[in-house]
């Protein structure tokens, strides 16, 4: 028996507009419950919706980035269902005429690129939020009602939990890169709902029913839930061969992260259950080829293409290029810093992804916001590359600059002020080496006569010279001078 996991993804992306999709209520995360509502988003009689143009433009921008075909004519539909967090008893969405369709989103898989087909992308408003923190009752916060969402539906092209994980991380990077969404998982700006079933080949092909796993808000949950659900479906089929697509009902299930299992919620609805019909209060949206072309031309270089260019033009590894591209501001800063001298690309990479990233993580902010001056990064990298200061001193100066105002800094002047300029005077270095040899006779003996310890002992002696010099010695030159002295069997420099 062989099995093949089949996954299609539904993703809800909250668009980065100032106000809601059909009213002027401001979107504020964490605001006092029910403080950002109005007659429109509460569905009060006589209140009429008006489309947020910015939301439509952001949706089209993301759809174009996923190589979708943009509809010349799209309309709004009412999706009817009753739930406490939906005051109107219907959700304004798009049914048979979505704003975008037939796209392709490429993700890296096993050293190559795989295209995931995008079936459709449509705009809709979010519902409110039910709160179950108060014993004996459920509270409803309607601040989120009317929030603009772009729902992205893929074809079932994803074939493993790891591929799904990659798809989700790459999509989050894209929406943040374009600025169409903050993409914060913690704030619910992007939510994933995998549709999972399994093809089982056991004397003929069999497919299990489709299970939609609802509202996953972490990449780990996506991977773990798909892995569990694939195993569960195979086991259920082995127990009961009637557990097949068309024979057993499709389901909606939730993910219990404490128990690491999916749990039954309800049967999966079909389109007719929602009784879609065109919204009579909203006019359709028409687009022109000229407008779509202008949106396409205004789009910046996308992350996947930019990563390939960084690897090709500057010799960055795939891992380093990917890390720099996690934040668009960091990528822009990196390229601005190396604009006049590409030879320092590796040094800038080390600074940004080493000390820079460490400080950024501590502050929960991109590196580019801590020290936005590209010329300062260029200067610091140049000082290290030229041997004017060493890498340790460079890290110290970077920390000091970031812990200051992080706006304008002269690293050369700061290095002189902090007495961190690297000493390259040979006589001074020989004096430091002399002291290191005198204080560490055993290490000198090991370096000269113990093949097993020679390399470690030589490195230890270099470290001792750097300690004695207070980090001001040129480590490369020290290493060379120590090697020459060790090679001199008379012990003379």
Protein backbone atom coordinates (compact mmCIF):
# COMPACT_ATOMS: atom_id res chain seq x y z
CA UNK A 1 0.00 0.00 0.00
CA UNK A 2 1.23 3.47 -0.89
CA UNK A 3 -0.29 6.79 0.10
CA UNK A 4 -0.15 10.32 -1.28
CA UNK A 5 -1.23 13.38 0.67
CA UNK A 6 -3.28 15.93 -1.28
CA UNK A 7 -3.60 19.49 0.05
CA UNK A 8 -5.40 22.52 -1.28
CA UNK A 9 -5.01 25.70 0.74
CA UNK A 10 -7.48 28.42 1.64
CA UNK A 11 -5.83 31.54 3.03
CA UNK A 12 -7.41 34.67 4.50
CA UNK A 13 -5.19 37.76 4.31
CA UNK A 14 -6.22 40.89 6.19
CA UNK A 15 -5.43 43.85 3.96
CA UNK A 16 -3.52 46.82 5.37
CA UNK A 17 -6.19 49.48 4.99
CA UNK A 18 -6.89 52.20 7.55
CA UNK A 19 -10.63 51.54 7.56
CA UNK A 20 -13.01 48.61 7.03
CA UNK A 21 -14.13 47.23 3.68
CA UNK A 22 -17.57 48.85 3.46
CA UNK A 23 -17.58 51.59 6.11
CA UNK A 24 -15.33 54.25 7.63
CA UNK A 25 -14.65 52.52 10.95
CA UNK A 26 -10.95 52.57 11.80
CA UNK A 27 -9.11 49.27 12.15
CA UNK A 28 -7.25 49.19 15.48
CA UNK A 29 -5.89 45.92 16.87
CA UNK A 30 -6.62 45.47 20.56
CA UNK A 31 -9.10 48.35 20.81
CA UNK A 32 -11.82 48.34 23.48
CA UNK A 33 -14.43 45.72 22.45
CA UNK A 34 -17.19 47.09 20.21
CA UNK A 35 -15.60 50.54 20.10
CA UNK A 36 -14.91 50.45 16.34
CA UNK A 37 -18.39 49.84 14.96
CA UNK A 38 -21.08 51.78 13.11
CA UNK A 39 -24.57 51.16 11.63
CA UNK A 40 -23.02 49.74 8.43
CA UNK A 41 -20.80 47.06 9.97
CA UNK A 42 -23.48 46.30 12.59
CA UNK A 43 -26.01 45.72 9.80
CA UNK A 44 -28.59 48.17 11.13
CA UNK A 45 -31.64 48.85 8.92
CA UNK A 46 -31.16 51.59 6.34
CA UNK A 47 -27.32 51.62 6.52
CA UNK A 48 -25.69 51.23 3.10
CA UNK A 49 -22.17 49.90 2.37
CA UNK A 50 -19.60 51.70 0.17
CA UNK A 51 -16.56 49.82 -1.17
CA UNK A 52 -13.10 50.74 0.11
CA UNK A 53 -11.08 51.41 -3.08
CA UNK A 54 -7.75 50.96 -1.32
CA UNK A 55 -8.74 47.41 -0.31
CA UNK A 56 -9.57 46.53 -3.90
CA UNK A 57 -6.25 47.93 -5.14
CA UNK A 58 -4.26 46.01 -2.52
CA UNK A 59 -6.12 42.83 -3.44
CA UNK A 60 -5.33 43.31 -7.13
CA UNK A 61 -1.68 44.00 -6.33
CA UNK A 62 -1.35 40.71 -4.44
CA UNK A 63 -3.25 38.82 -7.14
CA UNK A 64 -0.92 40.17 -9.82
CA UNK A 65 2.09 39.10 -7.74
CA UNK A 66 0.64 35.57 -7.80
CA UNK A 67 0.33 35.78 -11.61
CA UNK A 68 -3.48 35.80 -11.52
CA UNK A 69 -5.80 36.96 -14.25
CA UNK A 70 -7.69 40.04 -13.07
CA UNK A 71 -11.41 40.11 -13.86
CA UNK A 72 -12.71 42.97 -15.98
CA UNK A 73 -16.06 42.66 -14.20
CA UNK A 74 -16.63 41.45 -10.65
CA UNK A 75 -19.58 41.75 -8.31
CA UNK A 76 -20.50 41.37 -4.65
CA UNK A 77 -22.62 38.56 -3.23
CA UNK A 78 -24.35 37.86 0.05
CA UNK A 79 -23.26 34.64 1.75
CA UNK A 80 -26.06 33.79 4.16
CA UNK A 81 -25.54 32.14 7.51
CA UNK A 82 -26.48 32.85 11.09
CA UNK A 83 -23.88 33.17 13.80
CA UNK A 84 -23.61 35.61 16.75
CA UNK A 85 -20.48 37.34 15.37
CA UNK A 86 -22.23 38.19 12.07
CA UNK A 87 -24.88 40.81 12.90
CA UNK A 88 -26.39 41.01 9.38
CA UNK A 89 -26.83 37.22 9.18
CA UNK A 90 -24.92 37.37 5.91
CA UNK A 91 -21.35 38.09 4.84
CA UNK A 92 -20.57 40.29 1.85
CA UNK A 93 -18.25 38.21 -0.34
CA UNK A 94 -17.71 37.26 -3.99
CA UNK A 95 -19.07 34.00 -5.37
CA UNK A 96 -19.12 33.20 -9.07
CA UNK A 97 -17.20 36.27 -10.33
CA UNK A 98 -14.12 36.72 -8.13
CA UNK A 99 -11.72 39.59 -8.78
CA UNK A 100 -8.86 37.22 -9.73
CA UNK A 101 -8.35 33.63 -10.92
CA UNK A 102 -6.03 31.22 -12.72
CA UNK A 103 -2.78 32.20 -11.04
CA UNK A 104 0.48 30.49 -10.16
CA UNK A 105 2.60 30.98 -7.05
CA UNK A 106 6.08 29.49 -7.10
CA UNK A 107 7.75 28.03 -4.02
CA UNK A 108 11.20 26.45 -3.49
CA UNK A 109 11.01 22.66 -3.13
CA UNK A 110 14.02 20.32 -2.92
CA UNK A 111 16.42 22.67 -4.66
CA UNK A 112 14.02 23.55 -7.49
CA UNK A 113 10.86 25.59 -7.98
CA UNK A 114 7.31 24.26 -7.85
CA UNK A 115 4.28 26.17 -9.07
CA UNK A 116 1.13 26.07 -6.96
CA UNK A 117 -1.91 26.98 -9.05
CA UNK A 118 -4.20 29.65 -7.66
CA UNK A 119 -7.83 28.80 -8.40
CA UNK A 120 -9.29 32.15 -7.29
CA UNK A 121 -8.82 35.17 -5.04
CA UNK A 122 -11.78 37.19 -3.85
CA UNK A 123 -12.53 40.02 -1.43
CA UNK A 124 -14.84 39.61 1.53
CA UNK A 125 -15.52 41.12 4.93
CA UNK A 126 -14.48 39.42 8.15
CA UNK A 127 -16.89 38.45 10.93
CA UNK A 128 -16.57 39.49 14.57
CA UNK A 129 -15.04 37.47 17.37
CA UNK A 130 -16.72 35.29 20.00
CA UNK A 131 -15.02 35.40 23.40
CA UNK A 132 -15.38 32.41 25.73
CA UNK A 133 -13.36 33.72 28.69
CA UNK A 134 -16.35 34.49 30.93
CA UNK A 135 -17.85 31.42 32.66
CA UNK A 136 -21.45 30.75 31.78
CA UNK A 137 -21.70 33.01 28.73
CA UNK A 138 -20.16 33.95 25.40
CA UNK A 139 -19.28 37.58 24.68
CA UNK A 140 -19.12 39.05 21.19
CA UNK A 141 -16.64 41.71 20.01
CA UNK A 142 -17.68 43.21 16.68
CA UNK A 143 -14.62 45.42 16.12
CA UNK A 144 -13.34 42.99 13.49
CA UNK A 145 -16.65 42.84 11.62
CA UNK A 146 -16.16 44.33 8.17
CA UNK A 147 -12.36 43.98 8.13
CA UNK A 148 -11.18 43.54 4.50
CA UNK A 149 -9.96 40.03 3.73
CA UNK A 150 -8.58 38.58 0.54
CA UNK A 151 -9.37 34.87 0.40
CA UNK A 152 -6.91 32.89 -1.72
CA UNK A 153 -7.88 29.38 -2.84
CA UNK A 154 -5.29 27.07 -4.39
CA UNK A 155 -5.71 23.97 -6.47
CA UNK A 156 -4.81 20.72 -4.62
CA UNK A 157 -1.18 20.88 -5.80
CA UNK A 158 0.51 20.65 -2.39
CA UNK A 159 1.75 17.12 -1.67
CA UNK A 160 3.12 17.17 1.85
CA UNK A 161 3.02 18.99 5.17
CA UNK A 162 6.49 20.41 4.46
CA UNK A 163 5.35 21.82 1.10
CA UNK A 164 2.36 23.40 2.83
CA UNK A 165 4.70 24.94 5.42
CA UNK A 166 6.86 26.39 2.65
CA UNK A 167 3.84 27.73 0.78
CA UNK A 168 2.58 29.51 3.89
CA UNK A 169 5.94 31.06 4.80
CA UNK A 170 6.54 32.23 1.23
CA UNK A 171 3.05 33.75 1.01
CA UNK A 172 3.53 35.60 4.28
CA UNK A 173 6.82 36.97 3.01
CA UNK A 174 5.13 38.14 -0.20
CA UNK A 175 2.26 39.99 1.48
CA UNK A 176 4.63 41.75 3.86
CA UNK A 177 7.05 42.54 1.04
CA UNK A 178 4.32 44.17 -1.03
CA UNK A 179 2.93 45.99 2.00
CA UNK A 180 -0.58 44.70 1.30
CA UNK A 181 -0.77 43.24 4.83
CA UNK A 182 1.23 43.26 8.05
CA UNK A 183 1.03 39.48 7.84
CA UNK A 184 1.20 39.11 11.63
CA UNK A 185 0.16 35.62 12.68
CA UNK A 186 -0.28 36.76 16.29
CA UNK A 187 -2.77 39.45 15.25
CA UNK A 188 -4.68 37.14 12.92
CA UNK A 189 -3.67 39.05 9.77
CA UNK A 190 -3.13 35.82 7.90
CA UNK A 191 -4.97 32.55 8.62
CA UNK A 192 -4.60 29.19 6.89
CA UNK A 193 -7.18 26.48 6.26
CA UNK A 194 -5.75 23.36 4.56
CA UNK A 195 -8.13 21.00 2.75
CA UNK A 196 -6.61 17.55 3.20
CA UNK A 197 -7.31 14.11 1.88
CA UNK A 198 -5.20 11.09 0.96
CA UNK A 199 -4.94 8.91 -2.12
CA UNK A 200 -4.38 5.30 -1.11
CA UNK A 201 -3.15 2.79 -3.66
CA UNK A 202 -4.06 -0.69 -2.42
CA UNK A 203 -5.16 -2.90 -5.28
CA UNK A 204 -6.54 0.23 -6.93
CA UNK A 205 -6.77 3.93 -6.11
CA UNK A 206 -8.93 5.10 -3.20
CA UNK A 207 -9.39 8.64 -1.88
CA UNK A 208 -10.47 9.61 1.59
CA UNK A 209 -13.05 12.38 2.20
CA UNK A 210 -11.84 15.98 2.23
CA UNK A 211 -11.25 17.55 5.63
CA UNK A 212 -10.88 21.31 6.02
CA UNK A 213 -8.80 22.24 9.07
CA UNK A 214 -10.08 25.63 10.22
CA UNK A 215 -8.27 28.81 11.25
CA UNK A 216 -4.64 27.77 11.72
CA UNK A 217 -2.58 30.76 12.83
CA UNK A 218 0.97 29.41 12.93
CA UNK A 219 3.25 27.69 10.44
CA UNK A 220 3.95 24.90 12.91
CA UNK A 221 0.21 24.28 13.33
CA UNK A 222 -0.13 23.98 9.54
CA UNK A 223 2.57 21.35 9.31
CA UNK A 224 1.57 19.39 12.41
CA UNK A 225 -2.15 19.41 11.59
CA UNK A 226 -1.62 18.14 8.03
CA UNK A 227 0.74 15.40 9.20
CA UNK A 228 -1.73 14.23 11.84
CA UNK A 229 -4.75 14.43 9.55
CA UNK A 230 -3.02 12.41 6.82
CA UNK A 231 -2.22 9.63 9.30
CA UNK A 232 -5.72 9.72 10.79
CA UNK A 233 -7.43 9.40 7.42
CA UNK A 234 -5.30 6.43 6.37
CA UNK A 235 -6.01 4.72 9.69
CA UNK A 236 -9.75 5.36 9.36
CA UNK A 237 -9.71 3.89 5.84
CA UNK A 238 -7.86 0.79 7.05
CA UNK A 239 -10.53 0.36 9.73
CA UNK A 240 -13.47 1.05 7.41
CA UNK A 241 -13.08 0.88 3.62
CA UNK A 242 -16.32 2.87 3.24
CA UNK A 243 -14.40 5.88 4.52
CA UNK A 244 -13.94 7.16 0.96
CA UNK A 245 -14.63 10.30 -1.00
CA UNK A 246 -18.26 10.20 -2.09
CA UNK A 247 -19.23 7.54 0.43
CA UNK A 248 -18.43 9.34 3.69
CA UNK A 249 -19.14 13.07 4.25
CA UNK A 250 -16.48 15.77 4.07
CA UNK A 251 -15.77 17.48 7.38
CA UNK A 252 -14.58 20.66 9.05
CA UNK A 253 -12.17 19.95 11.89
CA UNK A 254 -10.24 22.12 14.34
CA UNK A 255 -6.64 21.74 15.52
CA UNK A 256 -6.02 21.07 19.22
CA UNK A 257 -2.43 22.16 19.73
CA UNK A 258 -2.36 20.86 23.32
CA UNK A 259 -3.24 17.31 22.26
CA UNK A 260 -1.75 17.52 18.75
CA UNK A 261 -4.92 16.17 17.14
CA UNK A 262 -7.68 17.43 14.86
CA UNK A 263 -11.20 17.41 16.32
CA UNK A 264 -14.54 17.18 14.53
CA UNK A 265 -16.48 20.45 14.33
CA UNK A 266 -19.23 19.99 11.73
CA UNK A 267 -19.97 18.65 8.29
CA UNK A 268 -18.39 20.67 5.48
CA UNK A 269 -20.81 23.05 3.82
CA UNK A 270 -21.37 23.23 0.07
CA UNK A 271 -21.97 26.44 -1.87
CA UNK A 272 -25.75 25.94 -1.99
CA UNK A 273 -25.86 25.89 1.82
CA UNK A 274 -24.97 29.60 1.86
CA UNK A 275 -27.75 30.69 -0.54
CA UNK A 276 -25.53 33.16 -2.42
CA UNK A 277 -27.21 35.97 -4.30
CA UNK A 278 -25.94 39.35 -5.68
CA UNK A 279 -25.82 42.13 -3.10
CA UNK A 280 -28.38 44.75 -4.19
CA UNK A 281 -26.69 47.57 -2.24
CA UNK A 282 -23.29 47.44 -3.97
CA UNK A 283 -22.48 48.16 -7.61
CA UNK A 284 -20.17 45.77 -9.52
CA UNK A 285 -16.54 46.74 -10.12
CA UNK A 286 -15.15 47.06 -13.63
CA UNK A 287 -11.47 47.34 -14.49
CA UNK A 288 -9.63 48.34 -17.66
CA UNK A 289 -6.56 46.80 -19.21
CA UNK A 290 -4.79 50.19 -18.86
CA UNK A 291 -5.45 50.31 -15.12
CA UNK A 292 -4.29 46.73 -14.62
CA UNK A 293 -1.15 47.47 -16.64
CA UNK A 294 -0.41 50.52 -14.49
CA UNK A 295 -0.76 48.37 -11.34
CA UNK A 296 1.60 45.81 -12.83
CA UNK A 297 4.23 48.40 -13.75
CA UNK A 298 4.11 49.98 -10.29
CA UNK A 299 5.00 46.68 -8.65
CA UNK A 300 8.54 46.31 -7.35
CA UNK A 301 10.86 43.35 -7.89
CA UNK A 302 9.33 40.36 -6.09
CA UNK A 303 11.19 38.41 -3.36
CA UNK A 304 11.85 35.23 -5.37
CA UNK A 305 13.40 37.13 -8.30
CA UNK A 306 15.37 39.38 -5.96
CA UNK A 307 16.74 36.40 -4.05
CA UNK A 308 18.02 34.83 -7.25
CA UNK A 309 19.70 38.11 -8.18
CA UNK A 310 21.39 38.50 -4.77
CA UNK A 311 22.75 34.97 -5.00
CA UNK A 312 23.90 35.44 -8.60
CA UNK A 313 25.34 38.96 -8.45
CA UNK A 314 26.79 39.08 -4.94
CA UNK A 315 27.60 35.45 -4.15
CA UNK A 316 25.22 35.19 -1.20
CA UNK A 317 24.14 31.76 -0.06
CA UNK A 318 20.49 30.81 -0.42
CA UNK A 319 20.12 30.91 3.38
CA UNK A 320 21.68 34.38 3.74
CA UNK A 321 19.77 35.86 0.81
CA UNK A 322 16.53 34.48 2.19
CA UNK A 323 17.29 35.93 5.64
CA UNK A 324 18.01 39.41 4.27
CA UNK A 325 14.81 39.31 2.23
CA UNK A 326 12.66 38.54 5.26
CA UNK A 327 12.20 42.29 5.60
CA UNK A 328 11.95 44.50 2.54
CA UNK A 329 13.54 47.41 4.41
CA UNK A 330 16.55 45.24 5.26
CA UNK A 331 16.93 44.20 1.64
CA UNK A 332 16.76 47.81 0.45
CA UNK A 333 19.31 48.85 3.09
CA UNK A 334 21.64 46.01 2.09
CA UNK A 335 21.63 46.99 -1.58
CA UNK A 336 22.03 50.68 -0.79
CA UNK A 337 25.05 49.88 1.41
CA UNK A 338 26.83 47.92 -1.34
CA UNK A 339 25.76 50.16 -4.22
CA UNK A 340 29.23 51.67 -4.69
CA UNK A 341 31.31 48.66 -3.69
CA UNK A 342 29.92 45.17 -4.24
CA UNK A 343 33.08 43.62 -2.75
CA UNK A 344 31.81 44.35 0.75
CA UNK A 345 28.58 42.38 0.22
CA UNK A 346 29.71 39.46 2.37
CA UNK A 347 30.88 41.76 5.17
CA UNK A 348 27.58 43.67 5.15
CA UNK A 349 25.76 40.32 5.23
CA UNK A 350 27.76 39.21 8.27
CA UNK A 351 27.09 42.47 10.10
CA UNK A 352 23.38 42.55 9.34
CA UNK A 353 22.66 38.88 10.02
CA UNK A 354 25.00 38.64 13.02
CA UNK A 355 25.04 41.48 15.52
CA UNK A 356 22.42 43.46 13.60
CA UNK A 357 19.84 40.65 13.58
CA UNK A 358 20.55 39.79 17.24
CA UNK A 359 19.78 43.36 18.32
CA UNK A 360 16.78 43.52 15.99
CA UNK A 361 15.30 40.34 17.48
CA UNK A 362 15.74 41.72 20.99
CA UNK A 363 13.80 44.83 20.01
CA UNK A 364 11.24 43.12 17.81
CA UNK A 365 12.09 45.41 14.88
CA UNK A 366 13.80 45.10 11.48
CA UNK A 367 17.53 45.82 11.29
CA UNK A 368 16.84 48.67 8.87
CA UNK A 369 14.91 50.60 11.52
CA UNK A 370 17.74 50.40 14.05
CA UNK A 371 20.43 51.91 11.82
CA UNK A 372 18.82 53.16 8.60
CA UNK A 373 21.90 55.05 7.30
CA UNK A 374 23.27 52.95 4.42
CA UNK A 375 26.45 55.04 4.26
CA UNK A 376 27.24 54.14 7.87
CA UNK A 377 27.02 50.40 7.08
CA UNK A 378 29.26 50.94 4.06
CA UNK A 379 31.82 52.79 6.17
CA UNK A 380 31.83 50.17 8.92
CA UNK A 381 32.26 47.29 6.47
CA UNK A 382 35.06 49.15 4.71
CA UNK A 383 36.92 49.74 7.98
CA UNK A 384 36.84 46.02 8.73
CA UNK A 385 37.75 44.92 5.21
CA UNK A 386 40.72 47.30 5.10
CA UNK A 387 42.02 46.07 8.45
CA UNK A 388 41.60 49.48 10.07
CA UNK A 389 39.53 47.77 12.77
CA UNK A 390 38.92 44.09 13.38
CA UNK A 391 35.58 42.28 13.27
CA UNK A 392 35.20 42.24 17.05
CA UNK A 393 35.68 45.99 17.22
CA UNK A 394 33.21 46.37 14.37
CA UNK A 395 30.56 44.50 16.33
CA UNK A 396 31.21 46.67 19.39
CA UNK A 397 30.84 49.85 17.35
CA UNK A 398 27.64 48.58 15.72
CA UNK A 399 26.11 47.85 19.11
CA UNK A 400 27.04 51.31 20.36
CA UNK A 401 25.60 53.00 17.29
CA UNK A 402 22.31 51.11 17.52
CA UNK A 403 22.00 51.67 21.25
CA UNK A 404 22.48 55.38 20.56
CA UNK A 405 20.00 57.21 18.38
CA UNK A 406 20.83 54.94 15.41
CA UNK A 407 20.46 57.80 12.95
CA UNK A 408 23.86 59.23 12.04
CA UNK A 409 27.27 57.92 13.04
CA UNK A 410 30.88 58.30 11.91
CA UNK A 411 32.35 54.88 12.65
CA UNK A 412 35.95 55.89 11.96
CA UNK A 413 35.78 58.79 14.40
CA UNK A 414 34.05 56.56 16.94
CA UNK A 415 36.74 53.87 16.54
CA UNK A 416 39.47 56.43 17.21
CA UNK A 417 37.59 57.80 20.19
CA UNK A 418 37.18 54.31 21.66
CA UNK A 419 40.81 53.39 20.91
CA UNK A 420 39.72 50.51 18.68
CA UNK A 421 41.89 51.26 15.65
CA UNK A 422 43.84 48.14 14.76
CA UNK A 423 47.59 48.23 15.48
CA UNK A 424 49.64 47.03 12.51
CA UNK A 425 53.06 48.11 13.71
CA UNK A 426 55.22 44.98 13.47
CA UNK A 427 57.53 45.83 16.35
CA UNK A 428 54.59 46.34 18.69
CA UNK A 429 53.03 43.06 17.61
CA UNK A 430 56.32 41.21 18.11
CA UNK A 431 56.44 42.56 21.66
CA UNK A 432 52.94 41.20 22.33
CA UNK A 433 53.91 37.86 20.78
CA UNK A 434 57.01 37.72 22.98
CA UNK A 435 54.87 38.11 26.09
CA UNK A 436 52.33 35.52 24.88
CA UNK A 437 55.13 33.00 24.26
CA UNK A 438 56.70 33.69 27.64
CA UNK A 439 53.39 33.24 29.48
CA UNK A 440 52.35 30.08 27.60
CA UNK A 441 55.42 27.85 27.22
CA UNK A 442 53.39 24.63 27.02
CA UNK A 443 51.25 25.95 24.15
CA UNK A 444 54.46 26.97 22.32
CA UNK A 445 55.89 23.48 22.82
CA UNK A 446 52.66 21.84 21.58
CA UNK A 447 52.57 24.09 18.53
CA UNK A 448 56.14 23.18 17.63
CA UNK A 449 56.31 19.47 18.41
CA UNK A 450 52.85 17.93 18.96
CA UNK A 451 51.11 17.36 15.58
CA UNK A 452 47.80 16.55 17.27
CA UNK A 453 47.73 19.80 19.21
CA UNK A 454 49.68 22.09 16.90
CA UNK A 455 46.71 23.74 15.21
CA UNK A 456 44.78 24.33 18.43
CA UNK A 457 47.87 25.61 20.20
CA UNK A 458 48.62 28.05 17.39
CA UNK A 459 45.07 29.39 17.54
CA UNK A 460 45.34 29.70 21.32
CA UNK A 461 48.51 31.78 20.98
CA UNK A 462 46.84 34.12 18.50
CA UNK A 463 43.99 34.52 20.98
CA UNK A 464 46.44 35.34 23.75
CA UNK A 465 48.06 38.07 21.65
CA UNK A 466 44.64 39.53 20.90
CA UNK A 467 43.87 39.50 24.63
CA UNK A 468 47.15 41.17 25.54
CA UNK A 469 46.64 43.82 22.84
CA UNK A 470 43.10 44.52 23.98
CA UNK A 471 41.83 43.38 20.60
CA UNK A 472 43.81 46.03 18.73
CA UNK A 473 46.29 43.74 16.99
CA UNK A 474 45.74 42.72 13.36
CA UNK A 475 44.80 39.07 13.82
CA UNK A 476 45.91 38.03 10.32
CA UNK A 477 49.32 39.62 10.75
CA UNK A 478 49.65 38.15 14.24
CA UNK A 479 48.94 34.70 12.89
CA UNK A 480 51.55 35.12 10.19
CA UNK A 481 54.20 36.36 12.63
CA UNK A 482 53.47 33.56 15.11
CA UNK A 483 53.75 30.95 12.35
CA UNK A 484 57.12 32.39 11.31
CA UNK A 485 58.39 32.37 14.88
CA UNK A 486 57.18 28.82 15.50
CA UNK A 487 58.95 27.68 12.33
CA UNK A 488 62.19 29.14 13.69
CA UNK A 489 63.56 26.25 15.77
CA UNK A 490 65.95 28.64 17.55
CA UNK A 491 62.91 30.41 19.01
CA UNK A 492 63.94 33.75 17.59
CA UNK A 493 61.49 36.11 15.91
